[in-house]
N, C-alpha and C. Protein backbone atom coordinates (compact mmCIF):
# COMPACT_ATOMS: atom_id res chain seq x y z
N MET A 1 49.33 24.90 45.84
CA MET A 1 49.39 23.47 45.52
C MET A 1 48.38 23.13 44.43
N LEU A 2 48.79 22.29 43.49
CA LEU A 2 47.90 21.86 42.42
C LEU A 2 46.68 21.16 42.99
N GLU A 3 45.53 21.50 42.49
CA GLU A 3 44.30 20.86 42.93
C GLU A 3 43.62 20.18 41.75
N ILE A 4 43.24 18.94 41.93
CA ILE A 4 42.42 18.24 40.94
C ILE A 4 40.97 18.45 41.34
N LYS A 5 40.17 18.96 40.42
CA LYS A 5 38.79 19.30 40.74
C LYS A 5 37.96 18.04 40.94
N GLY A 6 37.66 17.77 42.20
CA GLY A 6 36.78 16.65 42.51
C GLY A 6 37.50 15.33 42.64
N LYS A 7 37.00 14.49 43.53
CA LYS A 7 37.61 13.18 43.73
C LYS A 7 37.45 12.27 42.52
N ILE A 8 36.41 12.52 41.71
CA ILE A 8 36.18 11.68 40.54
C ILE A 8 37.34 11.82 39.55
N ASP A 9 37.84 13.04 39.33
CA ASP A 9 38.93 13.25 38.40
C ASP A 9 40.19 12.54 38.88
N LEU A 10 40.51 12.66 40.16
CA LEU A 10 41.69 11.99 40.70
C LEU A 10 41.53 10.48 40.61
N ALA A 11 40.33 9.99 40.94
CA ALA A 11 40.07 8.55 40.86
C ALA A 11 40.21 8.05 39.43
N SER A 12 39.77 8.84 38.46
CA SER A 12 39.86 8.43 37.06
C SER A 12 41.31 8.32 36.61
N LEU A 13 42.13 9.28 37.03
CA LEU A 13 43.54 9.25 36.67
C LEU A 13 44.24 8.05 37.31
N LEU A 14 43.90 7.77 38.57
CA LEU A 14 44.51 6.62 39.25
C LEU A 14 44.06 5.31 38.61
N SER A 15 42.79 5.25 38.20
CA SER A 15 42.30 4.05 37.52
C SER A 15 43.03 3.84 36.21
N SER A 16 43.27 4.92 35.48
CA SER A 16 44.01 4.81 34.23
C SER A 16 45.42 4.32 34.48
N ARG A 17 46.02 4.80 35.57
CA ARG A 17 47.37 4.37 35.90
C ARG A 17 47.42 2.87 36.23
N ILE A 18 46.45 2.41 36.99
CA ILE A 18 46.39 0.98 37.34
C ILE A 18 46.24 0.14 36.08
N CYS A 19 45.35 0.55 35.18
CA CYS A 19 45.16 -0.19 33.92
C CYS A 19 46.45 -0.20 33.10
N HIS A 20 47.14 0.93 33.07
CA HIS A 20 48.40 1.02 32.32
C HIS A 20 49.43 0.03 32.86
N ASP A 21 49.52 -0.09 34.19
CA ASP A 21 50.53 -0.95 34.81
C ASP A 21 50.19 -2.43 34.68
N LEU A 22 48.91 -2.74 34.51
CA LEU A 22 48.50 -4.14 34.47
C LEU A 22 48.29 -4.68 33.06
N ILE A 23 48.18 -3.80 32.07
CA ILE A 23 47.81 -4.25 30.74
C ILE A 23 48.86 -5.19 30.13
N SER A 24 50.15 -4.95 30.41
CA SER A 24 51.19 -5.78 29.82
C SER A 24 51.16 -7.22 30.33
N PRO A 25 51.22 -7.45 31.66
CA PRO A 25 51.18 -8.86 32.11
C PRO A 25 49.85 -9.55 31.83
N VAL A 26 48.74 -8.82 31.91
CA VAL A 26 47.44 -9.43 31.63
C VAL A 26 47.33 -9.77 30.14
N GLY A 27 47.84 -8.89 29.28
CA GLY A 27 47.84 -9.17 27.85
C GLY A 27 48.70 -10.38 27.52
N ALA A 28 49.84 -10.51 28.21
CA ALA A 28 50.71 -11.67 28.00
C ALA A 28 50.01 -12.95 28.43
N LEU A 29 49.24 -12.88 29.51
CA LEU A 29 48.48 -14.05 29.96
C LEU A 29 47.46 -14.47 28.90
N SER A 30 46.76 -13.50 28.36
CA SER A 30 45.76 -13.79 27.34
C SER A 30 46.39 -14.45 26.12
N ASN A 31 47.52 -13.89 25.67
CA ASN A 31 48.20 -14.46 24.50
C ASN A 31 48.71 -15.86 24.79
N GLY A 32 49.26 -16.05 25.99
CA GLY A 32 49.80 -17.35 26.36
C GLY A 32 48.73 -18.42 26.42
N ILE A 33 47.56 -18.07 26.93
CA ILE A 33 46.45 -19.03 27.01
C ILE A 33 46.00 -19.44 25.61
N GLU A 34 45.95 -18.46 24.69
CA GLU A 34 45.56 -18.77 23.32
C GLU A 34 46.55 -19.73 22.67
N ILE A 35 47.86 -19.48 22.90
CA ILE A 35 48.88 -20.35 22.32
C ILE A 35 48.79 -21.75 22.92
N LEU A 36 48.59 -21.80 24.25
CA LEU A 36 48.53 -23.09 24.95
C LEU A 36 47.36 -23.93 24.46
N ALA A 37 46.27 -23.27 24.13
CA ALA A 37 45.07 -23.99 23.69
C ALA A 37 45.27 -24.65 22.33
N GLU A 38 46.19 -24.11 21.52
CA GLU A 38 46.37 -24.63 20.17
C GLU A 38 47.65 -25.43 20.00
N GLU A 39 48.59 -25.27 20.93
CA GLU A 39 49.91 -25.90 20.78
C GLU A 39 49.87 -27.38 21.17
N VAL A 40 50.49 -28.21 20.34
CA VAL A 40 50.52 -29.66 20.61
C VAL A 40 51.94 -30.14 20.94
N ASP A 41 52.95 -29.34 20.56
CA ASP A 41 54.33 -29.72 20.83
C ASP A 41 54.63 -29.57 22.33
N ASP A 42 55.13 -30.65 22.94
CA ASP A 42 55.35 -30.64 24.39
C ASP A 42 56.36 -29.58 24.82
N ASP A 43 57.44 -29.41 24.06
CA ASP A 43 58.46 -28.42 24.41
C ASP A 43 57.88 -27.01 24.36
N MET A 44 57.09 -26.73 23.32
CA MET A 44 56.48 -25.41 23.19
C MET A 44 55.46 -25.16 24.30
N ARG A 45 54.73 -26.19 24.64
CA ARG A 45 53.75 -26.04 25.73
C ARG A 45 54.48 -25.75 27.06
N GLU A 46 55.61 -26.39 27.27
CA GLU A 46 56.38 -26.16 28.49
C GLU A 46 56.90 -24.73 28.54
N GLN A 47 57.39 -24.24 27.41
CA GLN A 47 57.88 -22.86 27.35
C GLN A 47 56.73 -21.87 27.57
N THR A 48 55.58 -22.19 27.00
CA THR A 48 54.43 -21.30 27.16
C THR A 48 53.96 -21.26 28.61
N ILE A 49 53.98 -22.39 29.28
CA ILE A 49 53.58 -22.44 30.69
C ILE A 49 54.55 -21.62 31.54
N ALA A 50 55.85 -21.69 31.19
CA ALA A 50 56.85 -20.89 31.92
C ALA A 50 56.58 -19.40 31.74
N LEU A 51 56.22 -19.00 30.52
CA LEU A 51 55.90 -17.59 30.26
C LEU A 51 54.63 -17.18 31.00
N LEU A 52 53.65 -18.07 31.04
CA LEU A 52 52.42 -17.78 31.77
C LEU A 52 52.70 -17.61 33.26
N THR A 53 53.56 -18.45 33.80
CA THR A 53 53.92 -18.35 35.22
C THR A 53 54.60 -17.01 35.50
N HIS A 54 55.49 -16.61 34.61
CA HIS A 54 56.16 -15.31 34.75
C HIS A 54 55.15 -14.16 34.73
N SER A 55 54.20 -14.23 33.81
CA SER A 55 53.20 -13.16 33.69
C SER A 55 52.29 -13.11 34.91
N VAL A 56 51.93 -14.28 35.45
CA VAL A 56 51.11 -14.33 36.66
C VAL A 56 51.86 -13.68 37.82
N ASN A 57 53.13 -14.04 37.97
CA ASN A 57 53.93 -13.47 39.06
C ASN A 57 54.08 -11.96 38.90
N GLU A 58 54.27 -11.51 37.66
CA GLU A 58 54.42 -10.07 37.41
C GLU A 58 53.11 -9.34 37.74
N ALA A 59 51.98 -9.89 37.29
CA ALA A 59 50.69 -9.25 37.56
C ALA A 59 50.40 -9.23 39.06
N THR A 60 50.71 -10.32 39.75
CA THR A 60 50.48 -10.39 41.19
C THR A 60 51.33 -9.37 41.93
N GLY A 61 52.60 -9.27 41.54
CA GLY A 61 53.49 -8.30 42.17
C GLY A 61 53.02 -6.87 41.95
N ARG A 62 52.57 -6.57 40.76
CA ARG A 62 52.09 -5.22 40.49
C ARG A 62 50.81 -4.92 41.25
N LEU A 63 49.93 -5.90 41.35
CA LEU A 63 48.70 -5.70 42.10
C LEU A 63 48.99 -5.42 43.58
N GLN A 64 49.93 -6.17 44.17
CA GLN A 64 50.28 -5.95 45.57
C GLN A 64 50.83 -4.54 45.78
N MET A 65 51.71 -4.11 44.86
CA MET A 65 52.28 -2.78 44.97
C MET A 65 51.22 -1.69 44.80
N LEU A 66 50.36 -1.85 43.79
CA LEU A 66 49.34 -0.85 43.52
C LEU A 66 48.31 -0.76 44.64
N ARG A 67 48.06 -1.89 45.28
CA ARG A 67 47.11 -1.89 46.40
C ARG A 67 47.63 -1.03 47.55
N LEU A 68 48.92 -1.17 47.85
CA LEU A 68 49.51 -0.37 48.92
C LEU A 68 49.69 1.09 48.52
N THR A 69 49.93 1.32 47.23
CA THR A 69 50.22 2.67 46.75
C THR A 69 48.97 3.52 46.56
N PHE A 70 47.93 2.92 46.01
CA PHE A 70 46.72 3.67 45.69
C PHE A 70 45.50 3.25 46.51
N GLY A 71 45.53 2.04 47.08
CA GLY A 71 44.33 1.48 47.69
C GLY A 71 43.96 2.10 49.02
N GLY A 72 42.69 1.92 49.37
CA GLY A 72 42.20 2.41 50.65
C GLY A 72 41.44 1.35 51.41
N SER A 73 41.73 0.07 51.07
CA SER A 73 40.99 -1.03 51.68
C SER A 73 41.18 -1.07 53.18
N THR A 74 40.09 -1.19 53.91
CA THR A 74 40.17 -1.27 55.37
C THR A 74 40.79 -2.59 55.81
N SER A 75 40.84 -3.58 54.91
CA SER A 75 41.43 -4.86 55.27
C SER A 75 42.93 -4.75 55.50
N LEU A 76 43.52 -3.66 54.99
CA LEU A 76 44.95 -3.45 55.21
C LEU A 76 45.24 -3.00 56.64
N GLY A 77 44.21 -2.54 57.34
CA GLY A 77 44.41 -2.05 58.70
C GLY A 77 44.84 -0.60 58.71
N GLY A 78 44.87 -0.02 59.90
CA GLY A 78 45.25 1.39 60.03
C GLY A 78 46.74 1.60 60.03
N VAL A 79 47.50 0.54 60.35
CA VAL A 79 48.96 0.61 60.38
C VAL A 79 49.51 -0.47 59.46
N ILE A 80 50.48 -0.12 58.62
CA ILE A 80 51.04 -1.03 57.63
C ILE A 80 52.48 -1.39 58.02
N ASN A 81 52.78 -2.67 57.97
CA ASN A 81 54.15 -3.12 58.19
C ASN A 81 55.02 -2.62 57.03
N VAL A 82 56.10 -1.91 57.36
CA VAL A 82 56.96 -1.35 56.33
C VAL A 82 57.57 -2.45 55.47
N GLY A 83 57.78 -3.61 56.07
CA GLY A 83 58.31 -4.74 55.30
C GLY A 83 57.37 -5.18 54.19
N ASP A 84 56.07 -4.99 54.38
CA ASP A 84 55.10 -5.33 53.33
C ASP A 84 55.31 -4.43 52.11
N GLY A 85 55.62 -3.16 52.39
CA GLY A 85 55.90 -2.24 51.29
C GLY A 85 57.15 -2.62 50.54
N GLU A 86 58.18 -3.02 51.29
CA GLU A 86 59.43 -3.46 50.65
C GLU A 86 59.18 -4.67 49.76
N HIS A 87 58.47 -5.66 50.28
CA HIS A 87 58.20 -6.88 49.52
C HIS A 87 57.43 -6.55 48.24
N ALA A 88 56.40 -5.72 48.37
CA ALA A 88 55.58 -5.37 47.22
C ALA A 88 56.39 -4.63 46.16
N PHE A 89 57.26 -3.73 46.61
CA PHE A 89 58.03 -2.96 45.64
C PHE A 89 59.11 -3.81 44.98
N ARG A 90 59.68 -4.76 45.73
CA ARG A 90 60.66 -5.66 45.12
C ARG A 90 59.99 -6.50 44.03
N GLU A 91 58.78 -6.95 44.29
CA GLU A 91 58.05 -7.72 43.28
C GLU A 91 57.76 -6.86 42.06
N TYR A 92 57.42 -5.60 42.30
CA TYR A 92 57.11 -4.67 41.22
C TYR A 92 58.32 -4.43 40.32
N LEU A 93 59.51 -4.39 40.93
CA LEU A 93 60.73 -4.10 40.18
C LEU A 93 61.44 -5.35 39.68
N ALA A 94 60.86 -6.52 39.94
CA ALA A 94 61.54 -7.78 39.66
C ALA A 94 61.94 -7.93 38.19
N SER A 95 61.15 -7.40 37.28
CA SER A 95 61.43 -7.57 35.86
C SER A 95 62.26 -6.41 35.28
N SER A 96 62.65 -5.47 36.14
CA SER A 96 63.41 -4.31 35.68
C SER A 96 64.88 -4.46 36.03
N LYS A 97 65.67 -3.48 35.64
CA LYS A 97 67.09 -3.44 35.97
C LYS A 97 67.37 -2.45 37.09
N VAL A 98 66.35 -2.16 37.87
CA VAL A 98 66.48 -1.24 38.99
C VAL A 98 66.73 -2.03 40.27
N THR A 99 67.79 -1.68 40.98
CA THR A 99 68.11 -2.30 42.26
C THR A 99 67.45 -1.51 43.39
N LEU A 100 66.80 -2.21 44.30
CA LEU A 100 66.12 -1.55 45.41
C LEU A 100 66.94 -1.66 46.69
N ASP A 101 67.27 -0.51 47.28
CA ASP A 101 67.88 -0.45 48.61
C ASP A 101 66.83 0.10 49.57
N TRP A 102 66.24 -0.78 50.34
CA TRP A 102 65.17 -0.39 51.27
C TRP A 102 65.79 -0.25 52.66
N LEU A 103 66.01 0.97 53.09
CA LEU A 103 66.80 1.24 54.29
C LEU A 103 65.98 1.87 55.40
N THR A 104 64.74 1.46 55.53
CA THR A 104 63.85 2.05 56.53
C THR A 104 64.20 1.56 57.93
N GLU A 105 64.20 2.48 58.88
CA GLU A 105 64.47 2.15 60.28
C GLU A 105 63.19 1.79 61.04
N LEU A 106 62.05 2.14 60.49
CA LEU A 106 60.78 1.96 61.18
C LEU A 106 60.13 0.64 60.80
N ASP A 107 59.48 0.01 61.76
CA ASP A 107 58.82 -1.27 61.51
C ASP A 107 57.45 -1.10 60.86
N ALA A 108 56.77 0.01 61.16
CA ALA A 108 55.41 0.21 60.66
C ALA A 108 55.13 1.70 60.51
N LEU A 109 54.15 1.99 59.65
CA LEU A 109 53.70 3.36 59.43
C LEU A 109 52.19 3.37 59.31
N PRO A 110 51.54 4.47 59.73
CA PRO A 110 50.11 4.60 59.47
C PRO A 110 49.85 4.50 57.96
N LYS A 111 48.69 3.99 57.59
CA LYS A 111 48.39 3.76 56.19
C LYS A 111 48.65 4.97 55.29
N PRO A 112 48.20 6.19 55.66
CA PRO A 112 48.46 7.34 54.77
C PRO A 112 49.95 7.60 54.57
N ALA A 113 50.74 7.44 55.64
CA ALA A 113 52.18 7.66 55.52
C ALA A 113 52.82 6.59 54.66
N MET A 114 52.33 5.36 54.78
CA MET A 114 52.87 4.27 53.96
C MET A 114 52.52 4.51 52.49
N LYS A 115 51.31 4.95 52.22
CA LYS A 115 50.92 5.26 50.84
C LYS A 115 51.79 6.38 50.29
N LEU A 116 52.09 7.36 51.12
CA LEU A 116 52.95 8.45 50.69
C LEU A 116 54.33 7.93 50.30
N LEU A 117 54.91 7.08 51.15
CA LEU A 117 56.23 6.51 50.87
C LEU A 117 56.21 5.71 49.57
N MET A 118 55.17 4.93 49.35
CA MET A 118 55.08 4.11 48.14
C MET A 118 54.96 4.97 46.88
N ASN A 119 54.17 6.05 46.96
CA ASN A 119 54.04 6.94 45.80
C ASN A 119 55.34 7.67 45.52
N MET A 120 56.04 8.08 46.56
CA MET A 120 57.35 8.71 46.39
C MET A 120 58.32 7.74 45.71
N ALA A 121 58.32 6.49 46.16
CA ALA A 121 59.20 5.49 45.58
C ALA A 121 58.85 5.23 44.12
N LEU A 122 57.57 5.20 43.82
CA LEU A 122 57.13 4.96 42.44
C LEU A 122 57.58 6.08 41.53
N VAL A 123 57.39 7.32 41.96
CA VAL A 123 57.80 8.47 41.14
C VAL A 123 59.31 8.46 40.93
N ALA A 124 60.05 8.22 42.00
CA ALA A 124 61.52 8.21 41.89
C ALA A 124 61.99 7.08 40.98
N SER A 125 61.38 5.91 41.09
CA SER A 125 61.81 4.77 40.27
C SER A 125 61.65 5.04 38.79
N GLU A 126 60.65 5.83 38.42
CA GLU A 126 60.38 6.07 37.01
C GLU A 126 61.30 7.14 36.41
N ALA A 127 62.13 7.74 37.27
CA ALA A 127 63.15 8.66 36.75
C ALA A 127 64.40 7.91 36.30
N ILE A 128 64.48 6.62 36.65
CA ILE A 128 65.64 5.80 36.30
C ILE A 128 65.44 5.22 34.90
N ILE A 129 66.33 5.56 33.99
CA ILE A 129 66.25 5.08 32.63
C ILE A 129 67.12 3.83 32.49
N ARG A 130 66.49 2.74 32.18
CA ARG A 130 67.10 1.42 31.98
C ARG A 130 67.58 0.80 33.28
N ALA A 131 68.63 1.36 33.91
CA ALA A 131 69.20 0.71 35.09
C ALA A 131 69.64 1.75 36.11
N GLY A 132 69.64 1.33 37.37
CA GLY A 132 70.05 2.24 38.43
C GLY A 132 69.64 1.69 39.78
N THR A 133 69.63 2.57 40.76
CA THR A 133 69.31 2.17 42.13
C THR A 133 68.23 3.08 42.70
N LEU A 134 67.24 2.47 43.32
CA LEU A 134 66.22 3.21 44.05
C LEU A 134 66.46 2.98 45.54
N THR A 135 66.71 4.05 46.27
CA THR A 135 66.94 3.96 47.71
C THR A 135 65.75 4.55 48.44
N VAL A 136 65.16 3.78 49.33
CA VAL A 136 63.98 4.21 50.08
C VAL A 136 64.33 4.23 51.57
N GLN A 137 64.03 5.36 52.22
CA GLN A 137 64.36 5.52 53.62
C GLN A 137 63.15 6.07 54.40
N ALA A 138 63.01 5.61 55.63
CA ALA A 138 62.01 6.14 56.56
C ALA A 138 62.67 6.15 57.93
N VAL A 139 62.95 7.33 58.43
CA VAL A 139 63.69 7.44 59.69
C VAL A 139 62.95 8.37 60.65
N ALA A 140 63.09 8.07 61.92
CA ALA A 140 62.51 8.93 62.95
C ALA A 140 63.39 10.18 63.12
N THR A 141 62.75 11.32 63.31
CA THR A 141 63.44 12.58 63.58
C THR A 141 62.91 13.14 64.89
N PRO A 142 63.58 14.15 65.45
CA PRO A 142 63.09 14.74 66.71
C PRO A 142 61.66 15.26 66.60
N ASP A 143 61.26 15.65 65.38
CA ASP A 143 59.93 16.24 65.19
C ASP A 143 58.90 15.30 64.58
N GLY A 144 59.33 14.11 64.14
CA GLY A 144 58.38 13.20 63.50
C GLY A 144 59.09 12.13 62.70
N VAL A 145 58.84 12.13 61.38
CA VAL A 145 59.43 11.12 60.49
C VAL A 145 59.85 11.79 59.19
N GLN A 146 60.99 11.34 58.67
CA GLN A 146 61.44 11.78 57.35
C GLN A 146 61.37 10.60 56.40
N LEU A 147 60.72 10.81 55.27
CA LEU A 147 60.63 9.81 54.21
C LEU A 147 61.44 10.30 53.02
N VAL A 148 62.25 9.40 52.44
CA VAL A 148 63.10 9.80 51.33
C VAL A 148 63.09 8.70 50.27
N ALA A 149 62.94 9.09 49.01
CA ALA A 149 63.08 8.18 47.87
C ALA A 149 64.08 8.79 46.91
N THR A 150 65.16 8.07 46.63
CA THR A 150 66.24 8.60 45.81
C THR A 150 66.50 7.69 44.61
N ALA A 151 66.51 8.28 43.44
CA ALA A 151 66.84 7.57 42.20
C ALA A 151 68.25 7.94 41.79
N SER A 152 69.08 6.94 41.50
CA SER A 152 70.44 7.20 41.06
C SER A 152 70.80 6.23 39.95
N GLY A 153 71.68 6.66 39.06
CA GLY A 153 72.07 5.82 37.94
C GLY A 153 72.80 6.64 36.90
N ASP A 154 73.20 5.98 35.82
CA ASP A 154 73.92 6.68 34.76
C ASP A 154 73.03 7.68 34.04
N ARG A 155 71.75 7.37 33.97
CA ARG A 155 70.82 8.28 33.30
C ARG A 155 69.56 8.44 34.12
N ILE A 156 69.38 9.62 34.68
CA ILE A 156 68.19 9.95 35.45
C ILE A 156 67.44 11.04 34.71
N LEU A 157 66.18 10.79 34.42
CA LEU A 157 65.37 11.75 33.65
C LEU A 157 64.11 12.09 34.43
N VAL A 158 63.98 13.37 34.76
CA VAL A 158 62.78 13.86 35.46
C VAL A 158 61.97 14.68 34.46
N SER A 159 60.76 14.25 34.18
CA SER A 159 59.95 14.93 33.18
C SER A 159 59.58 16.33 33.64
N ASP A 160 59.29 17.19 32.68
CA ASP A 160 58.86 18.55 33.01
C ASP A 160 57.56 18.54 33.81
N ASP A 161 56.68 17.58 33.51
CA ASP A 161 55.41 17.49 34.23
C ASP A 161 55.63 17.17 35.70
N ILE A 162 56.52 16.23 35.99
CA ILE A 162 56.81 15.88 37.39
C ILE A 162 57.44 17.05 38.11
N ALA A 163 58.41 17.69 37.46
CA ALA A 163 59.07 18.84 38.08
C ALA A 163 58.07 19.95 38.37
N ALA A 164 57.15 20.19 37.43
CA ALA A 164 56.16 21.25 37.61
C ALA A 164 55.20 20.93 38.75
N ILE A 165 54.85 19.66 38.92
CA ILE A 165 53.95 19.27 40.01
C ILE A 165 54.58 19.59 41.36
N PHE A 166 55.85 19.26 41.51
CA PHE A 166 56.52 19.48 42.79
C PHE A 166 56.83 20.95 43.04
N ASP A 167 57.09 21.72 41.98
CA ASP A 167 57.39 23.14 42.24
C ASP A 167 56.14 24.02 42.22
N GLY A 168 54.97 23.40 42.01
CA GLY A 168 53.72 24.13 42.13
C GLY A 168 53.29 24.89 40.90
N THR A 169 53.92 24.62 39.74
CA THR A 169 53.56 25.37 38.52
C THR A 169 52.74 24.53 37.54
N ALA A 170 52.42 23.28 37.89
CA ALA A 170 51.66 22.42 36.97
C ALA A 170 50.22 22.87 36.87
N THR A 171 49.62 22.59 35.72
CA THR A 171 48.20 22.85 35.53
C THR A 171 47.47 21.51 35.59
N GLU A 172 46.18 21.58 35.86
CA GLU A 172 45.39 20.36 35.93
C GLU A 172 45.43 19.60 34.62
N GLU A 173 45.46 20.34 33.51
CA GLU A 173 45.44 19.70 32.19
C GLU A 173 46.72 18.92 31.91
N SER A 174 47.81 19.27 32.58
CA SER A 174 49.09 18.61 32.32
C SER A 174 49.26 17.31 33.10
N VAL A 175 48.38 17.06 34.05
CA VAL A 175 48.48 15.84 34.86
C VAL A 175 47.84 14.68 34.12
N ASP A 176 48.56 13.56 34.02
CA ASP A 176 48.04 12.38 33.36
C ASP A 176 48.30 11.15 34.22
N ALA A 177 48.00 9.98 33.67
CA ALA A 177 48.16 8.74 34.43
C ALA A 177 49.62 8.51 34.83
N LYS A 178 50.55 8.99 34.03
CA LYS A 178 51.97 8.81 34.32
C LYS A 178 52.40 9.64 35.52
N SER A 179 51.90 10.86 35.61
CA SER A 179 52.37 11.78 36.64
C SER A 179 51.46 11.86 37.87
N VAL A 180 50.31 11.19 37.84
CA VAL A 180 49.36 11.32 38.95
C VAL A 180 49.91 10.82 40.29
N PRO A 181 50.84 9.83 40.34
CA PRO A 181 51.39 9.47 41.66
C PRO A 181 52.08 10.64 42.36
N ALA A 182 52.68 11.55 41.59
CA ALA A 182 53.31 12.72 42.20
C ALA A 182 52.25 13.63 42.84
N VAL A 183 51.10 13.77 42.16
CA VAL A 183 50.01 14.56 42.72
C VAL A 183 49.50 13.93 44.00
N LEU A 184 49.31 12.60 43.98
CA LEU A 184 48.82 11.91 45.16
C LEU A 184 49.80 12.05 46.32
N ALA A 185 51.10 12.00 46.03
CA ALA A 185 52.11 12.18 47.08
C ALA A 185 51.98 13.54 47.74
N ILE A 186 51.77 14.57 46.94
CA ILE A 186 51.63 15.92 47.48
C ILE A 186 50.35 16.04 48.30
N VAL A 187 49.26 15.45 47.80
CA VAL A 187 47.99 15.48 48.53
C VAL A 187 48.13 14.78 49.88
N LEU A 188 48.76 13.62 49.89
CA LEU A 188 48.93 12.85 51.12
C LEU A 188 49.80 13.61 52.12
N ALA A 189 50.91 14.18 51.65
CA ALA A 189 51.80 14.94 52.53
C ALA A 189 51.07 16.12 53.14
N ASP A 190 50.25 16.79 52.34
CA ASP A 190 49.48 17.94 52.84
C ASP A 190 48.46 17.50 53.88
N GLU A 191 47.76 16.39 53.60
CA GLU A 191 46.76 15.90 54.55
C GLU A 191 47.38 15.46 55.87
N LEU A 192 48.64 15.03 55.81
CA LEU A 192 49.35 14.61 57.02
C LEU A 192 50.01 15.78 57.74
N GLY A 193 49.84 16.97 57.20
CA GLY A 193 50.42 18.15 57.82
C GLY A 193 51.91 18.28 57.60
N GLY A 194 52.42 17.60 56.58
CA GLY A 194 53.85 17.60 56.33
C GLY A 194 54.25 18.44 55.13
N ARG A 195 55.54 18.35 54.81
CA ARG A 195 56.10 19.06 53.66
C ARG A 195 56.77 18.04 52.75
N ILE A 196 56.70 18.32 51.45
CA ILE A 196 57.34 17.43 50.49
C ILE A 196 57.98 18.27 49.40
N ALA A 197 59.14 17.84 48.94
CA ALA A 197 59.86 18.55 47.89
C ALA A 197 60.77 17.58 47.16
N CYS A 198 61.20 17.97 45.97
CA CYS A 198 62.15 17.16 45.22
C CYS A 198 63.36 18.01 44.88
N GLN A 199 64.47 17.34 44.62
CA GLN A 199 65.69 18.05 44.26
C GLN A 199 66.59 17.15 43.45
N ARG A 200 67.45 17.75 42.65
CA ARG A 200 68.46 17.02 41.90
C ARG A 200 69.76 17.06 42.66
N GLY A 201 70.40 15.91 42.83
CA GLY A 201 71.66 15.83 43.56
C GLY A 201 72.85 16.12 42.67
N HIS A 202 74.02 16.14 43.27
CA HIS A 202 75.25 16.43 42.52
C HIS A 202 75.75 15.20 41.76
N ASN A 203 75.34 14.02 42.14
CA ASN A 203 75.82 12.79 41.51
C ASN A 203 74.76 12.15 40.64
N ASN A 204 74.08 12.99 39.86
CA ASN A 204 73.03 12.51 38.96
C ASN A 204 71.96 11.75 39.73
N GLU A 205 71.48 12.35 40.80
CA GLU A 205 70.43 11.76 41.62
C GLU A 205 69.17 12.61 41.56
N PHE A 206 68.05 11.95 41.76
CA PHE A 206 66.77 12.64 41.91
C PHE A 206 66.20 12.19 43.24
N MET A 207 65.92 13.14 44.11
CA MET A 207 65.51 12.83 45.48
C MET A 207 64.19 13.50 45.82
N ILE A 208 63.29 12.72 46.43
CA ILE A 208 62.03 13.25 46.95
C ILE A 208 62.06 13.09 48.47
N VAL A 209 61.81 14.17 49.17
CA VAL A 209 61.89 14.16 50.64
C VAL A 209 60.59 14.67 51.23
N ALA A 210 60.05 13.94 52.20
CA ALA A 210 58.85 14.38 52.91
C ALA A 210 59.17 14.42 54.41
N GLU A 211 58.77 15.51 55.03
CA GLU A 211 58.91 15.67 56.48
C GLU A 211 57.52 15.64 57.09
N LEU A 212 57.27 14.66 57.96
CA LEU A 212 55.96 14.52 58.57
C LEU A 212 56.05 14.80 60.08
N PRO A 213 55.07 15.52 60.63
CA PRO A 213 55.08 15.80 62.07
C PRO A 213 54.75 14.56 62.87
N GLN A 214 55.08 14.61 64.15
CA GLN A 214 54.87 13.46 65.03
C GLN A 214 53.40 13.06 65.09
N MET A 215 52.51 14.04 65.05
CA MET A 215 51.07 13.76 65.16
C MET A 215 50.58 12.92 63.97
N ALA A 216 51.28 12.95 62.85
CA ALA A 216 50.85 12.21 61.68
C ALA A 216 51.27 10.77 61.69
N VAL A 217 52.20 10.41 62.56
CA VAL A 217 52.75 9.06 62.54
C VAL A 217 52.67 8.38 63.90
N SER A 218 51.94 8.98 64.84
CA SER A 218 51.83 8.39 66.17
C SER A 218 50.42 7.88 66.41
């Protein structure tokens, strides 16, 4: 399994990823405030306020998703309501053309398992080019829990870096802010005593599957 040397390196990559995801809505807020400060036309001010509202909602949605995906705040509790993950991810995808099918049977998951599911969903969603469907599942099995994130659409693209991370051939130098959620997913699955793998389906699908033992989710 790929190892990132030291927690500082992993934290740095995750920090870069968070900044990357937030720079667009925060930058739009900054630009909108500058325009609002100088604009005197009422119609233009109204349009600018609408854009600012959109950017605030986008930034808030991304923050909620990133908190569940990367965060370790104790305020979240030891067990996370699966519906919270669905809500956060719907907000994250609100400005995209990706449809979310959240088909989880479980009401709650331990925080590490929930973070694993969110990272799997994030990686799968980024394989969808322009438009498609992200299907997220969490189901009980005789031995524990199965987590699945499936990307489907007319064009599904899995980068060589992501594929290498999952098949164990990636190097530390090849991991960047874009691909670090895949590394975190593998780390979390390993810490939970589970297995994780990805595969390409017959109908232009990309699927990530994690099998977790009962001890990890009870």
